[in-house]
Amino acid sequence: MDRIKILDEALWRTVPKDVIVEAERAAQESPVWIALQGNGHIVAMDGPGDPQVATGDVMFIAEVAPSRG
């Protein structure tokens, strides 16, 4: 959890464990964001506002820092 900065405590409780694991794996060199998309899906995404991933409004739940070492 030391790599995860929670931005929204209420939404954090709804994040599926597999999304957290995916975000931690993906954050090798740059931050990864966990976000709630306008369509109701909670996803791990490369960066804020990534047009390849986001649909509609996005609420950022957490930032996962790059892995150390």
PDB file of N, CA and C in Angstrom:
ATOM      1  N   MET A   1       0.803  -1.207   0.000  1.00  0.00           N
ATOM      2  CA  MET A   1       0.000   0.000   0.000  1.00  0.00           C
ATOM      3  C   MET A   1       0.838   1.261   0.000  1.00  0.00           C
ATOM      4  N   ASP A   2       2.135   1.166   0.250  1.00  0.00           N
ATOM      5  CA  ASP A   2       2.957   2.375   0.282  1.00  0.00           C
ATOM      6  C   ASP A   2       3.088   2.999  -1.099  1.00  0.00           C
ATOM      7  N   ARG A   3       2.759   2.257  -2.156  1.00  0.00           N
ATOM      8  CA  ARG A   3       2.814   2.786  -3.516  1.00  0.00           C
ATOM      9  C   ARG A   3       1.494   3.418  -3.929  1.00  0.00           C
ATOM     10  N   ILE A   4       0.455   3.284  -3.121  1.00  0.00           N
ATOM     11  CA  ILE A   4      -0.881   3.734  -3.509  1.00  0.00           C
ATOM     12  C   ILE A   4      -1.284   4.972  -2.708  1.00  0.00           C
ATOM     13  N   LYS A   5      -1.642   6.017  -3.453  1.00  0.00           N
ATOM     14  CA  LYS A   5      -2.144   7.248  -2.834  1.00  0.00           C
ATOM     15  C   LYS A   5      -3.652   7.284  -3.096  1.00  0.00           C
ATOM     16  N   ILE A   6      -4.433   7.110  -2.048  1.00  0.00           N
ATOM     17  CA  ILE A   6      -5.883   7.079  -2.182  1.00  0.00           C
ATOM     18  C   ILE A   6      -6.412   8.508  -2.256  1.00  0.00           C
ATOM     19  N   LEU A   7      -7.193   8.781  -3.295  1.00  0.00           N
ATOM     20  CA  LEU A   7      -7.743  10.112  -3.522  1.00  0.00           C
ATOM     21  C   LEU A   7      -9.201  10.210  -3.090  1.00  0.00           C
ATOM     22  N   ASP A   8      -9.911   9.078  -3.056  1.00  0.00           N
ATOM     23  CA  ASP A   8     -11.319   9.070  -2.679  1.00  0.00           C
ATOM     24  C   ASP A   8     -11.586   7.821  -1.836  1.00  0.00           C
ATOM     25  N   GLU A   9     -11.646   8.006  -0.523  1.00  0.00           N
ATOM     26  CA  GLU A   9     -11.810   6.882   0.415  1.00  0.00           C
ATOM     27  C   GLU A   9     -13.100   6.100   0.164  1.00  0.00           C
ATOM     28  N   ALA A  10     -14.187   6.796  -0.093  1.00  0.00           N
ATOM     29  CA  ALA A  10     -15.475   6.124  -0.284  1.00  0.00           C
ATOM     30  C   ALA A  10     -15.445   5.212  -1.513  1.00  0.00           C
ATOM     31  N   LEU A  11     -14.910   5.718  -2.612  1.00  0.00           N
ATOM     32  CA  LEU A  11     -14.833   4.898  -3.824  1.00  0.00           C
ATOM     33  C   LEU A  11     -13.772   3.803  -3.706  1.00  0.00           C
ATOM     34  N   TRP A  12     -12.707   4.058  -2.927  1.00  0.00           N
ATOM     35  CA  TRP A  12     -11.635   3.071  -2.776  1.00  0.00           C
ATOM     36  C   TRP A  12     -12.193   1.735  -2.280  1.00  0.00           C
ATOM     37  N   ARG A  13     -13.181   1.779  -1.412  1.00  0.00           N
ATOM     38  CA  ARG A  13     -13.780   0.554  -0.862  1.00  0.00           C
ATOM     39  C   ARG A  13     -14.486  -0.280  -1.917  1.00  0.00           C
ATOM     40  N   THR A  14     -14.782   0.317  -3.072  1.00  0.00           N
ATOM     41  CA  THR A  14     -15.499  -0.400  -4.130  1.00  0.00           C
ATOM     42  C   THR A  14     -14.569  -0.939  -5.216  1.00  0.00           C
ATOM     43  N   VAL A  15     -13.271  -0.650  -5.115  1.00  0.00           N
ATOM     44  CA  VAL A  15     -12.321  -1.072  -6.152  1.00  0.00           C
ATOM     45  C   VAL A  15     -12.075  -2.584  -6.041  1.00  0.00           C
ATOM     46  N   PRO A  16     -12.321  -3.322  -7.139  1.00  0.00           N
ATOM     47  CA  PRO A  16     -12.052  -4.762  -7.123  1.00  0.00           C
ATOM     48  C   PRO A  16     -10.559  -5.046  -6.934  1.00  0.00           C
ATOM     49  N   LYS A  17     -10.260  -6.116  -6.205  1.00  0.00           N
ATOM     50  CA  LYS A  17      -8.860  -6.495  -5.935  1.00  0.00           C
ATOM     51  C   LYS A  17      -8.074  -6.686  -7.229  1.00  0.00           C
ATOM     52  N   ASP A  18      -8.703  -7.249  -8.273  1.00  0.00           N
ATOM     53  CA  ASP A  18      -7.974  -7.493  -9.520  1.00  0.00           C
ATOM     54  C   ASP A  18      -7.553  -6.188 -10.204  1.00  0.00           C
ATOM     55  N   VAL A  19      -8.322  -5.114 -10.020  1.00  0.00           N
ATOM     56  CA  VAL A  19      -7.948  -3.814 -10.586  1.00  0.00           C
ATOM     57  C   VAL A  19      -6.723  -3.265  -9.847  1.00  0.00           C
ATOM     58  N   ILE A  20      -6.676  -3.446  -8.541  1.00  0.00           N
ATOM     59  CA  ILE A  20      -5.522  -2.992  -7.760  1.00  0.00           C
ATOM     60  C   ILE A  20      -4.271  -3.748  -8.179  1.00  0.00           C
ATOM     61  N   VAL A  21      -4.388  -5.071  -8.325  1.00  0.00           N
ATOM     62  CA  VAL A  21      -3.249  -5.895  -8.750  1.00  0.00           C
ATOM     63  C   VAL A  21      -2.783  -5.472 -10.141  1.00  0.00           C
ATOM     64  N   GLU A  22      -3.720  -5.256 -11.049  1.00  0.00           N
ATOM     65  CA  GLU A  22      -3.379  -4.818 -12.410  1.00  0.00           C
ATOM     66  C   GLU A  22      -2.637  -3.479 -12.384  1.00  0.00           C
ATOM     67  N   ALA A  23      -3.124  -2.537 -11.572  1.00  0.00           N
ATOM     68  CA  ALA A  23      -2.489  -1.220 -11.483  1.00  0.00           C
ATOM     69  C   ALA A  23      -1.075  -1.327 -10.922  1.00  0.00           C
ATOM     70  N   GLU A  24      -0.885  -2.152  -9.898  1.00  0.00           N
ATOM     71  CA  GLU A  24       0.452  -2.323  -9.314  1.00  0.00           C
ATOM     72  C   GLU A  24       1.420  -2.941 -10.325  1.00  0.00           C
ATOM     73  N   ARG A  25       0.943  -3.885 -11.105  1.00  0.00           N
ATOM     74  CA  ARG A  25       1.794  -4.497 -12.138  1.00  0.00           C
ATOM     75  C   ARG A  25       2.135  -3.505 -13.250  1.00  0.00           C
ATOM     76  N   ALA A  26       1.154  -2.704 -13.633  1.00  0.00           N
ATOM     77  CA  ALA A  26       1.338  -1.768 -14.743  1.00  0.00           C
ATOM     78  C   ALA A  26       2.230  -0.584 -14.383  1.00  0.00           C
ATOM     79  N   ALA A  27       2.335  -0.261 -13.110  1.00  0.00           N
ATOM     80  CA  ALA A  27       3.103   0.913 -12.674  1.00  0.00           C
ATOM     81  C   ALA A  27       4.583   0.567 -12.532  1.00  0.00           C
ATOM     82  N   GLN A  28       5.205   0.190 -13.612  1.00  0.00           N
ATOM     83  CA  GLN A  28       6.627  -0.152 -13.590  1.00  0.00           C
ATOM     84  C   GLN A  28       7.516   1.092 -13.670  1.00  0.00           C
ATOM     85  N   GLU A  29       7.186   2.006 -14.587  1.00  0.00           N
ATOM     86  CA  GLU A  29       8.041   3.180 -14.811  1.00  0.00           C
ATOM     87  C   GLU A  29       7.317   4.501 -14.618  1.00  0.00           C
ATOM     88  N   SER A  30       6.003   4.480 -14.722  1.00  0.00           N
ATOM     89  CA  SER A  30       5.241   5.718 -14.563  1.00  0.00           C
ATOM     90  C   SER A  30       3.966   5.427 -13.776  1.00  0.00           C
ATOM     91  N   PRO A  31       3.377   6.453 -13.183  1.00  0.00           N
ATOM     92  CA  PRO A  31       2.179   6.244 -12.363  1.00  0.00           C
ATOM     93  C   PRO A  31       1.020   5.668 -13.179  1.00  0.00           C
ATOM     94  N   VAL A  32       0.183   4.926 -12.497  1.00  0.00           N
ATOM     95  CA  VAL A  32      -1.050   4.396 -13.056  1.00  0.00           C
ATOM     96  C   VAL A  32      -2.176   4.880 -12.155  1.00  0.00           C
ATOM     97  N   TRP A  33      -3.302   5.194 -12.759  1.00  0.00           N
ATOM     98  CA  TRP A  33      -4.437   5.711 -12.008  1.00  0.00           C
ATOM     99  C   TRP A  33      -5.553   4.678 -11.973  1.00  0.00           C
ATOM    100  N   ILE A  34      -6.221   4.591 -10.843  1.00  0.00           N
ATOM    101  CA  ILE A  34      -7.434   3.790 -10.726  1.00  0.00           C
ATOM    102  C   ILE A  34      -8.578   4.788 -10.759  1.00  0.00           C
ATOM    103  N   ALA A  35      -9.525   4.567 -11.678  1.00  0.00           N
ATOM    104  CA  ALA A  35     -10.584   5.551 -11.881  1.00  0.00           C
ATOM    105  C   ALA A  35     -11.933   4.891 -12.099  1.00  0.00           C
ATOM    106  N   LEU A  36     -12.983   5.631 -11.746  1.00  0.00           N
ATOM    107  CA  LEU A  36     -14.354   5.235 -12.042  1.00  0.00           C
ATOM    108  C   LEU A  36     -14.758   5.985 -13.298  1.00  0.00           C
ATOM    109  N   GLN A  37     -15.078   5.235 -14.345  1.00  0.00           N
ATOM    110  CA  GLN A  37     -15.495   5.850 -15.596  1.00  0.00           C
ATOM    111  C   GLN A  37     -16.976   6.201 -15.540  1.00  0.00           C
ATOM    112  N   GLY A  38     -17.392   7.082 -16.428  1.00  0.00           N
ATOM    113  CA  GLY A  38     -18.788   7.498 -16.502  1.00  0.00           C
ATOM    114  C   GLY A  38     -19.742   6.348 -16.762  1.00  0.00           C
ATOM    115  N   ASN A  39     -19.229   5.264 -17.361  1.00  0.00           N
ATOM    116  CA  ASN A  39     -20.077   4.104 -17.642  1.00  0.00           C
ATOM    117  C   ASN A  39     -20.161   3.149 -16.446  1.00  0.00           C
ATOM    118  N   GLY A  40     -19.554   3.527 -15.304  1.00  0.00           N
ATOM    119  CA  GLY A  40     -19.642   2.724 -14.093  1.00  0.00           C
ATOM    120  C   GLY A  40     -18.536   1.716 -13.886  1.00  0.00           C
ATOM    121  N   HIS A  41     -17.636   1.574 -14.854  1.00  0.00           N
ATOM    122  CA  HIS A  41     -16.525   0.631 -14.718  1.00  0.00           C
ATOM    123  C   HIS A  41     -15.377   1.250 -13.925  1.00  0.00           C
ATOM    124  N   ILE A  42     -14.765   0.463 -13.057  1.00  0.00           N
ATOM    125  CA  ILE A  42     -13.565   0.882 -12.340  1.00  0.00           C
ATOM    126  C   ILE A  42     -12.392   0.236 -13.054  1.00  0.00           C
ATOM    127  N   VAL A  43     -11.436   1.075 -13.493  1.00  0.00           N
ATOM    128  CA  VAL A  43     -10.329   0.593 -14.321  1.00  0.00           C
ATOM    129  C   VAL A  43      -8.989   1.167 -13.859  1.00  0.00           C
ATOM    130  N   ALA A  44      -7.922   0.488 -14.275  1.00  0.00           N
ATOM    131  CA  ALA A  44      -6.568   1.015 -14.135  1.00  0.00           C
ATOM    132  C   ALA A  44      -6.225   1.643 -15.477  1.00  0.00           C
ATOM    133  N   MET A  45      -5.678   2.857 -15.456  1.00  0.00           N
ATOM    134  CA  MET A  45      -5.374   3.543 -16.707  1.00  0.00           C
ATOM    135  C   MET A  45      -4.010   4.214 -16.640  1.00  0.00           C
ATOM    136  N   ASP A  46      -3.411   4.405 -17.814  1.00  0.00           N
ATOM    137  CA  ASP A  46      -2.057   4.947 -17.896  1.00  0.00           C
ATOM    138  C   ASP A  46      -1.919   6.349 -17.345  1.00  0.00           C
ATOM    139  N   GLY A  47      -2.886   7.191 -17.561  1.00  0.00           N
ATOM    140  CA  GLY A  47      -2.757   8.559 -17.088  1.00  0.00           C
ATOM    141  C   GLY A  47      -4.088   9.260 -17.074  1.00  0.00           C
ATOM    142  N   PRO A  48      -4.166  10.353 -16.344  1.00  0.00           N
ATOM    143  CA  PRO A  48      -5.422  11.091 -16.293  1.00  0.00           C
ATOM    144  C   PRO A  48      -5.907  11.495 -17.677  1.00  0.00           C
ATOM    145  N   GLY A  49      -7.153  11.191 -17.954  1.00  0.00           N
ATOM    146  CA  GLY A  49      -7.750  11.601 -19.208  1.00  0.00           C
ATOM    147  C   GLY A  49      -7.277  10.825 -20.419  1.00  0.00           C
ATOM    148  N   ASP A  50      -6.716   9.639 -20.243  1.00  0.00           N
ATOM    149  CA  ASP A  50      -6.244   8.837 -21.366  1.00  0.00           C
ATOM    150  C   ASP A  50      -7.417   8.531 -22.300  1.00  0.00           C
ATOM    151  N   PRO A  51      -7.439   9.109 -23.503  1.00  0.00           N
ATOM    152  CA  PRO A  51      -8.590   8.929 -24.396  1.00  0.00           C
ATOM    153  C   PRO A  51      -8.747   7.495 -24.892  1.00  0.00           C
ATOM    154  N   GLN A  52      -7.701   6.691 -24.811  1.00  0.00           N
ATOM    155  CA  GLN A  52      -7.781   5.294 -25.232  1.00  0.00           C
ATOM    156  C   GLN A  52      -8.601   4.461 -24.248  1.00  0.00           C
ATOM    157  N   VAL A  53      -8.699   4.901 -23.009  1.00  0.00           N
ATOM    158  CA  VAL A  53      -9.315   4.096 -21.966  1.00  0.00           C
ATOM    159  C   VAL A  53     -10.585   4.723 -21.419  1.00  0.00           C
ATOM    160  N   ALA A  54     -10.575   6.020 -21.208  1.00  0.00           N
ATOM    161  CA  ALA A  54     -11.682   6.692 -20.523  1.00  0.00           C
ATOM    162  C   ALA A  54     -12.880   6.893 -21.441  1.00  0.00           C
ATOM    163  N   THR A  55     -14.070   6.693 -20.885  1.00  0.00           N
ATOM    164  CA  THR A  55     -15.304   7.005 -21.601  1.00  0.00           C
ATOM    165  C   THR A  55     -16.154   7.865 -20.684  1.00  0.00           C
ATOM    166  N   GLY A  56     -16.565   8.996 -21.159  1.00  0.00           N
ATOM    167  CA  GLY A  56     -17.384   9.881 -20.340  1.00  0.00           C
ATOM    168  C   GLY A  56     -16.593  10.528 -19.222  1.00  0.00           C
ATOM    169  N   ASP A  57     -17.298  10.904 -18.190  1.00  0.00           N
ATOM    170  CA  ASP A  57     -16.661  11.527 -17.028  1.00  0.00           C
ATOM    171  C   ASP A  57     -15.824  10.504 -16.283  1.00  0.00           C
ATOM    172  N   VAL A  58     -14.731  10.964 -15.700  1.00  0.00           N
ATOM    173  CA  VAL A  58     -13.832  10.078 -14.959  1.00  0.00           C
ATOM    174  C   VAL A  58     -13.623  10.655 -13.565  1.00  0.00           C
ATOM    175  N   MET A  59     -13.736   9.801 -12.557  1.00  0.00           N
ATOM    176  CA  MET A  59     -13.436  10.198 -11.178  1.00  0.00           C
ATOM    177  C   MET A  59     -12.228   9.387 -10.742  1.00  0.00           C
ATOM    178  N   PHE A  60     -11.145  10.069 -10.393  1.00  0.00           N
ATOM    179  CA  PHE A  60      -9.929   9.374  -9.997  1.00  0.00           C
ATOM    180  C   PHE A  60     -10.035   8.915  -8.545  1.00  0.00           C
ATOM    181  N   ILE A  61      -9.747   7.645  -8.334  1.00  0.00           N
ATOM    182  CA  ILE A  61      -9.876   7.023  -7.010  1.00  0.00           C
ATOM    183  C   ILE A  61      -8.522   6.931  -6.317  1.00  0.00           C
ATOM    184  N   ALA A  62      -7.482   6.572  -7.084  1.00  0.00           N
ATOM    185  CA  ALA A  62      -6.157   6.385  -6.478  1.00  0.00           C
ATOM    186  C   ALA A  62      -5.082   6.516  -7.545  1.00  0.00           C
ATOM    187  N   GLU A  63      -3.878   6.831  -7.082  1.00  0.00           N
ATOM    188  CA  GLU A  63      -2.683   6.861  -7.928  1.00  0.00           C
ATOM    189  C   GLU A  63      -1.739   5.789  -7.410  1.00  0.00           C
ATOM    190  N   VAL A  64      -1.234   4.972  -8.327  1.00  0.00           N
ATOM    191  CA  VAL A  64      -0.278   3.926  -7.961  1.00  0.00           C
ATOM    192  C   VAL A  64       1.094   4.354  -8.480  1.00  0.00           C
ATOM    193  N   ALA A  65       2.043   4.519  -7.571  1.00  0.00           N
ATOM    194  CA  ALA A  65       3.384   4.984  -7.930  1.00  0.00           C
ATOM    195  C   ALA A  65       4.182   3.871  -8.602  1.00  0.00           C
ATOM    196  N   PRO A  66       5.181   4.248  -9.412  1.00  0.00           N
ATOM    197  CA  PRO A  66       6.041   3.248 -10.039  1.00  0.00           C
ATOM    198  C   PRO A  66       6.730   2.379  -8.989  1.00  0.00           C
ATOM    199  N   SER A  67       6.991   1.135  -9.389  1.00  0.00           N
ATOM    200  CA  SER A  67       7.658   0.230  -8.471  1.00  0.00           C
ATOM    201  C   SER A  67       9.096   0.673  -8.270  1.00  0.00           C
ATOM    202  N   ARG A  68       9.617   0.401  -7.110  1.00  0.00           N
ATOM    203  CA  ARG A  68      11.005   0.776  -6.801  1.00  0.00           C
ATOM    204  C   ARG A  68      11.899  -0.434  -6.977  1.00  0.00           C
ATOM    205  N   GLY A  69      13.054  -0.169  -7.554  1.00  0.00           N
ATOM    206  CA  GLY A  69      14.043  -1.226  -7.657  1.00  0.00           C
ATOM    207  C   GLY A  69      13.897  -2.002  -8.861  1.00  0.00           C
TER     208      GLY A  69
END
